[in-house]
Amino acid sequence: MNKGDLVEEVAKVVCSKKEAEMAVNSVFESIRKALKKGDRVTLPGFGSFSVSKRAARQGRNPRTGEPVKIKARKVPKFTAGKGLKEAVK
């Protein structure tokens, strides 16, 4: 399923496809903004989104074998909730 398929599913419940697309975009943007601020987004029964910090580390260029410094950075992380895990079983 991609974003278009998700909009189609939401459109079955909402009046129009345009409203469904606006709703889906709004949800994604809200999650994006919360993660950018460093907040955690929890959706009970589905899962939670958070920001994880990766430390700086030493890597290796696969082509030349030379060591490369990889900078520290923040990455988004999703943890599936109990309801989602049980639904997938």
PDB file of N, CA and C in Angstrom:
ATOM      1  N   MET A   1       0.848  -1.183   0.000  1.00  0.00           N
ATOM      2  CA  MET A   1       0.000   0.000   0.000  1.00  0.00           C
ATOM      3  C   MET A   1       0.886   1.235   0.000  1.00  0.00           C
ATOM      4  N   ASN A   2       0.545   2.176  -0.844  1.00  0.00           N
ATOM      5  CA  ASN A   2       1.269   3.440  -0.873  1.00  0.00           C
ATOM      6  C   ASN A   2       0.329   4.569  -0.430  1.00  0.00           C
ATOM      7  N   LYS A   3       0.810   5.800  -0.498  1.00  0.00           N
ATOM      8  CA  LYS A   3       0.024   6.935  -0.034  1.00  0.00           C
ATOM      9  C   LYS A   3      -1.283   7.079  -0.821  1.00  0.00           C
ATOM     10  N   GLY A   4      -1.245   6.850  -2.108  1.00  0.00           N
ATOM     11  CA  GLY A   4      -2.453   6.934  -2.934  1.00  0.00           C
ATOM     12  C   GLY A   4      -3.500   5.912  -2.518  1.00  0.00           C
ATOM     13  N   ASP A   5      -3.047   4.697  -2.218  1.00  0.00           N
ATOM     14  CA  ASP A   5      -3.963   3.652  -1.757  1.00  0.00           C
ATOM     15  C   ASP A   5      -4.583   4.030  -0.400  1.00  0.00           C
ATOM     16  N   LEU A   6      -3.764   4.628   0.450  1.00  0.00           N
ATOM     17  CA  LEU A   6      -4.261   5.059   1.760  1.00  0.00           C
ATOM     18  C   LEU A   6      -5.316   6.147   1.597  1.00  0.00           C
ATOM     19  N   VAL A   7      -5.084   7.077   0.682  1.00  0.00           N
ATOM     20  CA  VAL A   7      -6.063   8.134   0.407  1.00  0.00           C
ATOM     21  C   VAL A   7      -7.362   7.516  -0.098  1.00  0.00           C
ATOM     22  N   GLU A   8      -7.281   6.514  -0.960  1.00  0.00           N
ATOM     23  CA  GLU A   8      -8.477   5.828  -1.470  1.00  0.00           C
ATOM     24  C   GLU A   8      -9.284   5.200  -0.324  1.00  0.00           C
ATOM     25  N   GLU A   9      -8.594   4.558   0.620  1.00  0.00           N
ATOM     26  CA  GLU A   9      -9.272   3.929   1.756  1.00  0.00           C
ATOM     27  C   GLU A   9      -9.948   4.962   2.648  1.00  0.00           C
ATOM     28  N   VAL A  10      -9.267   6.085   2.884  1.00  0.00           N
ATOM     29  CA  VAL A  10      -9.857   7.149   3.710  1.00  0.00           C
ATOM     30  C   VAL A  10     -11.030   7.786   2.974  1.00  0.00           C
ATOM     31  N   ALA A  11     -10.950   7.896   1.653  1.00  0.00           N
ATOM     32  CA  ALA A  11     -12.022   8.495   0.854  1.00  0.00           C
ATOM     33  C   ALA A  11     -13.319   7.687   0.945  1.00  0.00           C
ATOM     34  N   LYS A  12     -13.212   6.395   1.228  1.00  0.00           N
ATOM     35  CA  LYS A  12     -14.416   5.571   1.387  1.00  0.00           C
ATOM     36  C   LYS A  12     -15.215   5.980   2.620  1.00  0.00           C
ATOM     37  N   VAL A  13     -14.530   6.567   3.613  1.00  0.00           N
ATOM     38  CA  VAL A  13     -15.190   6.975   4.857  1.00  0.00           C
ATOM     39  C   VAL A  13     -15.553   8.454   4.820  1.00  0.00           C
ATOM     40  N   VAL A  14     -14.691   9.263   4.203  1.00  0.00           N
ATOM     41  CA  VAL A  14     -14.907  10.704   4.114  1.00  0.00           C
ATOM     42  C   VAL A  14     -15.687  10.986   2.825  1.00  0.00           C
ATOM     43  N   CYS A  15     -16.175  12.203   2.666  1.00  0.00           N
ATOM     44  CA  CYS A  15     -17.001  12.559   1.514  1.00  0.00           C
ATOM     45  C   CYS A  15     -16.287  12.469   0.171  1.00  0.00           C
ATOM     46  N   SER A  16     -15.077  12.995   0.095  1.00  0.00           N
ATOM     47  CA  SER A  16     -14.425  13.051  -1.213  1.00  0.00           C
ATOM     48  C   SER A  16     -12.955  12.649  -1.119  1.00  0.00           C
ATOM     49  N   LYS A  17     -12.397  12.375  -2.281  1.00  0.00           N
ATOM     50  CA  LYS A  17     -10.989  11.998  -2.353  1.00  0.00           C
ATOM     51  C   LYS A  17     -10.098  13.188  -1.983  1.00  0.00           C
ATOM     52  N   LYS A  18     -10.536  14.401  -2.359  1.00  0.00           N
ATOM     53  CA  LYS A  18      -9.763  15.611  -2.038  1.00  0.00           C
ATOM     54  C   LYS A  18      -9.686  15.809  -0.524  1.00  0.00           C
ATOM     55  N   GLU A  19     -10.799  15.630   0.168  1.00  0.00           N
ATOM     56  CA  GLU A  19     -10.808  15.747   1.629  1.00  0.00           C
ATOM     57  C   GLU A  19      -9.953  14.657   2.268  1.00  0.00           C
ATOM     58  N   ALA A  20     -10.001  13.463   1.709  1.00  0.00           N
ATOM     59  CA  ALA A  20      -9.206  12.357   2.228  1.00  0.00           C
ATOM     60  C   ALA A  20      -7.718  12.654   2.081  1.00  0.00           C
ATOM     61  N   GLU A  21      -7.326  13.193   0.944  1.00  0.00           N
ATOM     62  CA  GLU A  21      -5.924  13.518   0.727  1.00  0.00           C
ATOM     63  C   GLU A  21      -5.462  14.606   1.689  1.00  0.00           C
ATOM     64  N   MET A  22      -6.321  15.595   1.930  1.00  0.00           N
ATOM     65  CA  MET A  22      -5.993  16.652   2.884  1.00  0.00           C
ATOM     66  C   MET A  22      -5.830  16.071   4.294  1.00  0.00           C
ATOM     67  N   ALA A  23      -6.688  15.134   4.663  1.00  0.00           N
ATOM     68  CA  ALA A  23      -6.613  14.517   5.982  1.00  0.00           C
ATOM     69  C   ALA A  23      -5.331  13.704   6.144  1.00  0.00           C
ATOM     70  N   VAL A  24      -5.001  12.902   5.153  1.00  0.00           N
ATOM     71  CA  VAL A  24      -3.790  12.078   5.206  1.00  0.00           C
ATOM     72  C   VAL A  24      -2.557  12.971   5.264  1.00  0.00           C
ATOM     73  N   ASN A  25      -2.499  14.002   4.428  1.00  0.00           N
ATOM     74  CA  ASN A  25      -1.363  14.931   4.442  1.00  0.00           C
ATOM     75  C   ASN A  25      -1.243  15.641   5.782  1.00  0.00           C
ATOM     76  N   SER A  26      -2.367  15.984   6.373  1.00  0.00           N
ATOM     77  CA  SER A  26      -2.373  16.658   7.668  1.00  0.00           C
ATOM     78  C   SER A  26      -1.805  15.754   8.765  1.00  0.00           C
ATOM     79  N   VAL A  27      -2.188  14.488   8.755  1.00  0.00           N
ATOM     80  CA  VAL A  27      -1.672  13.539   9.748  1.00  0.00           C
ATOM     81  C   VAL A  27      -0.166  13.385   9.590  1.00  0.00           C
ATOM     82  N   PHE A  28       0.300  13.183   8.369  1.00  0.00           N
ATOM     83  CA  PHE A  28       1.737  13.023   8.134  1.00  0.00           C
ATOM     84  C   PHE A  28       2.516  14.268   8.543  1.00  0.00           C
ATOM     85  N   GLU A  29       1.986  15.432   8.209  1.00  0.00           N
ATOM     86  CA  GLU A  29       2.666  16.686   8.547  1.00  0.00           C
ATOM     87  C   GLU A  29       2.709  16.893  10.061  1.00  0.00           C
ATOM     88  N   SER A  30       1.642  16.532  10.758  1.00  0.00           N
ATOM     89  CA  SER A  30       1.617  16.654  12.219  1.00  0.00           C
ATOM     90  C   SER A  30       2.667  15.752  12.860  1.00  0.00           C
ATOM     91  N   ILE A  31       2.788  14.537  12.367  1.00  0.00           N
ATOM     92  CA  ILE A  31       3.808  13.614  12.885  1.00  0.00           C
ATOM     93  C   ILE A  31       5.196  14.170  12.591  1.00  0.00           C
ATOM     94  N   ARG A  32       5.403  14.667  11.385  1.00  0.00           N
ATOM     95  CA  ARG A  32       6.701  15.234  10.987  1.00  0.00           C
ATOM     96  C   ARG A  32       7.094  16.403  11.887  1.00  0.00           C
ATOM     97  N   LYS A  33       6.145  17.318  12.165  1.00  0.00           N
ATOM     98  CA  LYS A  33       6.424  18.482  13.004  1.00  0.00           C
ATOM     99  C   LYS A  33       6.755  18.065  14.439  1.00  0.00           C
ATOM    100  N   ALA A  34       6.005  17.102  14.969  1.00  0.00           N
ATOM    101  CA  ALA A  34       6.251  16.645  16.342  1.00  0.00           C
ATOM    102  C   ALA A  34       7.640  16.011  16.461  1.00  0.00           C
ATOM    103  N   LEU A  35       8.012  15.203  15.486  1.00  0.00           N
ATOM    104  CA  LEU A  35       9.331  14.563  15.525  1.00  0.00           C
ATOM    105  C   LEU A  35      10.445  15.594  15.372  1.00  0.00           C
ATOM    106  N   LYS A  36      10.208  16.606  14.563  1.00  0.00           N
ATOM    107  CA  LYS A  36      11.209  17.663  14.382  1.00  0.00           C
ATOM    108  C   LYS A  36      11.471  18.395  15.692  1.00  0.00           C
ATOM    109  N   LYS A  37      10.427  18.563  16.522  1.00  0.00           N
ATOM    110  CA  LYS A  37      10.581  19.201  17.836  1.00  0.00           C
ATOM    111  C   LYS A  37      11.192  18.242  18.857  1.00  0.00           C
ATOM    112  N   GLY A  38      11.279  16.953  18.508  1.00  0.00           N
ATOM    113  CA  GLY A  38      11.839  15.979  19.439  1.00  0.00           C
ATOM    114  C   GLY A  38      10.782  15.272  20.272  1.00  0.00           C
ATOM    115  N   ASP A  39       9.515  15.512  19.965  1.00  0.00           N
ATOM    116  CA  ASP A  39       8.422  14.880  20.697  1.00  0.00           C
ATOM    117  C   ASP A  39       8.212  13.444  20.229  1.00  0.00           C
ATOM    118  N   ARG A  40       7.507  12.687  21.048  1.00  0.00           N
ATOM    119  CA  ARG A  40       7.137  11.317  20.717  1.00  0.00           C
ATOM    120  C   ARG A  40       5.660  11.322  20.313  1.00  0.00           C
ATOM    121  N   VAL A  41       5.302  10.588  19.276  1.00  0.00           N
ATOM    122  CA  VAL A  41       3.917  10.492  18.814  1.00  0.00           C
ATOM    123  C   VAL A  41       3.442   9.069  19.071  1.00  0.00           C
ATOM    124  N   THR A  42       2.435   8.922  19.919  1.00  0.00           N
ATOM    125  CA  THR A  42       1.923   7.605  20.271  1.00  0.00           C
ATOM    126  C   THR A  42       0.509   7.441  19.748  1.00  0.00           C
ATOM    127  N   LEU A  43       0.275   6.373  19.007  1.00  0.00           N
ATOM    128  CA  LEU A  43      -1.041   6.039  18.484  1.00  0.00           C
ATOM    129  C   LEU A  43      -1.437   4.701  19.116  1.00  0.00           C
ATOM    130  N   PRO A  44      -2.243   4.728  20.184  1.00  0.00           N
ATOM    131  CA  PRO A  44      -2.582   3.495  20.901  1.00  0.00           C
ATOM    132  C   PRO A  44      -3.153   2.425  19.969  1.00  0.00           C
ATOM    133  N   GLY A  45      -2.654   1.208  20.120  1.00  0.00           N
ATOM    134  CA  GLY A  45      -3.095   0.100  19.292  1.00  0.00           C
ATOM    135  C   GLY A  45      -2.376   0.006  17.964  1.00  0.00           C
ATOM    136  N   PHE A  46      -1.631   1.049  17.599  1.00  0.00           N
ATOM    137  CA  PHE A  46      -0.908   1.049  16.325  1.00  0.00           C
ATOM    138  C   PHE A  46       0.599   1.062  16.555  1.00  0.00           C
ATOM    139  N   GLY A  47       1.085   2.073  17.270  1.00  0.00           N
ATOM    140  CA  GLY A  47       2.515   2.158  17.541  1.00  0.00           C
ATOM    141  C   GLY A  47       2.924   3.564  17.908  1.00  0.00           C
ATOM    142  N   SER A  48       4.225   3.774  17.988  1.00  0.00           N
ATOM    143  CA  SER A  48       4.712   5.102  18.339  1.00  0.00           C
ATOM    144  C   SER A  48       5.909   5.488  17.485  1.00  0.00           C
ATOM    145  N   PHE A  49       5.984   6.777  17.191  1.00  0.00           N
ATOM    146  CA  PHE A  49       7.078   7.361  16.437  1.00  0.00           C
ATOM    147  C   PHE A  49       7.933   8.152  17.418  1.00  0.00           C
ATOM    148  N   SER A  50       9.240   8.066  17.286  1.00  0.00           N
ATOM    149  CA  SER A  50      10.134   8.827  18.145  1.00  0.00           C
ATOM    150  C   SER A  50      11.394   9.169  17.356  1.00  0.00           C
ATOM    151  N   VAL A  51      12.254   9.957  17.987  1.00  0.00           N
ATOM    152  CA  VAL A  51      13.524  10.334  17.378  1.00  0.00           C
ATOM    153  C   VAL A  51      14.628   9.623  18.141  1.00  0.00           C
ATOM    154  N   SER A  52      15.490   8.956  17.410  1.00  0.00           N
ATOM    155  CA  SER A  52      16.608   8.235  18.003  1.00  0.00           C
ATOM    156  C   SER A  52      17.904   8.921  17.597  1.00  0.00           C
ATOM    157  N   LYS A  53      18.865   8.964  18.508  1.00  0.00           N
ATOM    158  CA  LYS A  53      20.151   9.596  18.215  1.00  0.00           C
ATOM    159  C   LYS A  53      21.177   8.519  17.879  1.00  0.00           C
ATOM    160  N   ARG A  54      21.861   8.710  16.783  1.00  0.00           N
ATOM    161  CA  ARG A  54      22.953   7.810  16.396  1.00  0.00           C
ATOM    162  C   ARG A  54      24.265   8.529  16.654  1.00  0.00           C
ATOM    163  N   ALA A  55      25.151   7.867  17.345  1.00  0.00           N
ATOM    164  CA  ALA A  55      26.445   8.454  17.671  1.00  0.00           C
ATOM    165  C   ALA A  55      27.338   8.487  16.428  1.00  0.00           C
ATOM    166  N   ALA A  56      28.329   9.361  16.472  1.00  0.00           N
ATOM    167  CA  ALA A  56      29.320   9.400  15.397  1.00  0.00           C
ATOM    168  C   ALA A  56      30.099   8.088  15.435  1.00  0.00           C
ATOM    169  N   ARG A  57      30.523   7.640  14.267  1.00  0.00           N
ATOM    170  CA  ARG A  57      31.247   6.370  14.231  1.00  0.00           C
ATOM    171  C   ARG A  57      32.189   6.337  13.046  1.00  0.00           C
ATOM    172  N   GLN A  58      33.021   5.339  13.062  1.00  0.00           N
ATOM    173  CA  GLN A  58      33.980   5.135  11.977  1.00  0.00           C
ATOM    174  C   GLN A  58      33.388   4.130  10.996  1.00  0.00           C
ATOM    175  N   GLY A  59      33.326   4.489   9.728  1.00  0.00           N
ATOM    176  CA  GLY A  59      32.836   3.597   8.689  1.00  0.00           C
ATOM    177  C   GLY A  59      33.963   3.261   7.726  1.00  0.00           C
ATOM    178  N   ARG A  60      33.627   2.552   6.677  1.00  0.00           N
ATOM    179  CA  ARG A  60      34.634   2.176   5.696  1.00  0.00           C
ATOM    180  C   ARG A  60      34.032   2.311   4.301  1.00  0.00           C
ATOM    181  N   ASN A  61      34.769   2.959   3.411  1.00  0.00           N
ATOM    182  CA  ASN A  61      34.346   3.095   2.022  1.00  0.00           C
ATOM    183  C   ASN A  61      34.435   1.709   1.380  1.00  0.00           C
ATOM    184  N   PRO A  62      33.317   1.145   0.921  1.00  0.00           N
ATOM    185  CA  PRO A  62      33.350  -0.213   0.377  1.00  0.00           C
ATOM    186  C   PRO A  62      34.168  -0.348  -0.908  1.00  0.00           C
ATOM    187  N   ARG A  63      34.295   0.723  -1.644  1.00  0.00           N
ATOM    188  CA  ARG A  63      35.034   0.663  -2.910  1.00  0.00           C
ATOM    189  C   ARG A  63      36.551   0.681  -2.686  1.00  0.00           C
ATOM    190  N   THR A  64      37.013   1.577  -1.787  1.00  0.00           N
ATOM    191  CA  THR A  64      38.457   1.733  -1.598  1.00  0.00           C
ATOM    192  C   THR A  64      38.965   1.116  -0.304  1.00  0.00           C
ATOM    193  N   GLY A  65      38.076   0.874   0.642  1.00  0.00           N
ATOM    194  CA  GLY A  65      38.495   0.323   1.935  1.00  0.00           C
ATOM    195  C   GLY A  65      39.012   1.372   2.899  1.00  0.00           C
ATOM    196  N   GLU A  66      39.009   2.634   2.485  1.00  0.00           N
ATOM    197  CA  GLU A  66      39.495   3.709   3.351  1.00  0.00           C
ATOM    198  C   GLU A  66      38.512   3.977   4.483  1.00  0.00           C
ATOM    199  N   PRO A  67      39.027   4.309   5.680  1.00  0.00           N
ATOM    200  CA  PRO A  67      38.127   4.673   6.786  1.00  0.00           C
ATOM    201  C   PRO A  67      37.452   6.021   6.513  1.00  0.00           C
ATOM    202  N   VAL A  68      36.200   6.122   6.925  1.00  0.00           N
ATOM    203  CA  VAL A  68      35.409   7.332   6.709  1.00  0.00           C
ATOM    204  C   VAL A  68      34.716   7.684   8.022  1.00  0.00           C
ATOM    205  N   LYS A  69      34.700   8.980   8.366  1.00  0.00           N
ATOM    206  CA  LYS A  69      33.991   9.424   9.571  1.00  0.00           C
ATOM    207  C   LYS A  69      32.519   9.627   9.225  1.00  0.00           C
ATOM    208  N   ILE A  70      31.637   9.036  10.035  1.00  0.00           N
ATOM    209  CA  ILE A  70      30.198   9.215   9.859  1.00  0.00           C
ATOM    210  C   ILE A  70      29.719  10.076  11.016  1.00  0.00           C
ATOM    211  N   LYS A  71      29.101  11.207  10.701  1.00  0.00           N
ATOM    212  CA  LYS A  71      28.677  12.166  11.718  1.00  0.00           C
ATOM    213  C   LYS A  71      27.519  11.632  12.550  1.00  0.00           C
ATOM    214  N   ALA A  72      27.391  12.155  13.769  1.00  0.00           N
ATOM    215  CA  ALA A  72      26.249  11.848  14.621  1.00  0.00           C
ATOM    216  C   ALA A  72      25.010  12.479  13.989  1.00  0.00           C
ATOM    217  N   ARG A  73      23.864  11.830  14.169  1.00  0.00           N
ATOM    218  CA  ARG A  73      22.634  12.384  13.603  1.00  0.00           C
ATOM    219  C   ARG A  73      21.416  11.815  14.313  1.00  0.00           C
ATOM    220  N   LYS A  74      20.293  12.448  14.053  1.00  0.00           N
ATOM    221  CA  LYS A  74      19.016  11.993  14.595  1.00  0.00           C
ATOM    222  C   LYS A  74      18.253  11.298  13.479  1.00  0.00           C
ATOM    223  N   VAL A  75      17.584  10.195  13.814  1.00  0.00           N
ATOM    224  CA  VAL A  75      16.805   9.454  12.825  1.00  0.00           C
ATOM    225  C   VAL A  75      15.426   9.130  13.391  1.00  0.00           C
ATOM    226  N   PRO A  76      14.400   9.100  12.536  1.00  0.00           N
ATOM    227  CA  PRO A  76      13.073   8.719  13.006  1.00  0.00           C
ATOM    228  C   PRO A  76      13.028   7.213  13.289  1.00  0.00           C
ATOM    229  N   LYS A  77      12.203   6.843  14.267  1.00  0.00           N
ATOM    230  CA  LYS A  77      12.090   5.441  14.670  1.00  0.00           C
ATOM    231  C   LYS A  77      10.612   5.128  14.891  1.00  0.00           C
ATOM    232  N   PHE A  78      10.172   3.960  14.425  1.00  0.00           N
ATOM    233  CA  PHE A  78       8.798   3.525  14.648  1.00  0.00           C
ATOM    234  C   PHE A  78       8.821   2.220  15.429  1.00  0.00           C
ATOM    235  N   THR A  79       8.022   2.150  16.476  1.00  0.00           N
ATOM    236  CA  THR A  79       7.883   0.934  17.254  1.00  0.00           C
ATOM    237  C   THR A  79       6.425   0.500  17.169  1.00  0.00           C
ATOM    238  N   ALA A  80       6.183  -0.696  16.664  1.00  0.00           N
ATOM    239  CA  ALA A  80       4.822  -1.204  16.513  1.00  0.00           C
ATOM    240  C   ALA A  80       4.204  -1.458  17.888  1.00  0.00           C
ATOM    241  N   GLY A  81       2.918  -1.136  18.008  1.00  0.00           N
ATOM    242  CA  GLY A  81       2.183  -1.370  19.234  1.00  0.00           C
ATOM    243  C   GLY A  81       1.646  -2.795  19.295  1.00  0.00           C
ATOM    244  N   LYS A  82       1.130  -3.155  20.462  1.00  0.00           N
ATOM    245  CA  LYS A  82       0.626  -4.504  20.685  1.00  0.00           C
ATOM    246  C   LYS A  82      -0.479  -4.882  19.697  1.00  0.00           C
ATOM    247  N   GLY A  83      -1.419  -3.963  19.462  1.00  0.00           N
ATOM    248  CA  GLY A  83      -2.527  -4.248  18.546  1.00  0.00           C
ATOM    249  C   GLY A  83      -2.064  -4.522  17.135  1.00  0.00           C
ATOM    250  N   LEU A  84      -1.078  -3.768  16.659  1.00  0.00           N
ATOM    251  CA  LEU A  84      -0.551  -3.968  15.313  1.00  0.00           C
ATOM    252  C   LEU A  84       0.216  -5.285  15.227  1.00  0.00           C
ATOM    253  N   LYS A  85       0.994  -5.586  16.251  1.00  0.00           N
ATOM    254  CA  LYS A  85       1.735  -6.855  16.259  1.00  0.00           C
ATOM    255  C   LYS A  85       0.805  -8.047  16.223  1.00  0.00           C
ATOM    256  N   GLU A  86      -0.286  -7.985  16.983  1.00  0.00           N
ATOM    257  CA  GLU A  86      -1.244  -9.092  17.009  1.00  0.00           C
ATOM    258  C   GLU A  86      -2.007  -9.216  15.684  1.00  0.00           C
ATOM    259  N   ALA A  87      -2.274  -8.075  15.027  1.00  0.00           N
ATOM    260  CA  ALA A  87      -3.001  -8.094  13.759  1.00  0.00           C
ATOM    261  C   ALA A  87      -2.168  -8.729  12.645  1.00  0.00           C
ATOM    262  N   VAL A  88      -0.858  -8.641  12.762  1.00  0.00           N
ATOM    263  CA  VAL A  88       0.032  -9.161  11.724  1.00  0.00           C
ATOM    264  C   VAL A  88       0.313 -10.643  11.904  1.00  0.00           C
ATOM    265  N   LYS A  89       0.145 -11.158  13.093  1.00  0.00           N
ATOM    266  CA  LYS A  89       0.445 -12.571  13.358  1.00  0.00           C
ATOM    267  C   LYS A  89      -0.240 -13.490  12.403  1.00  0.00           C
TER     268      LYS A  89
END
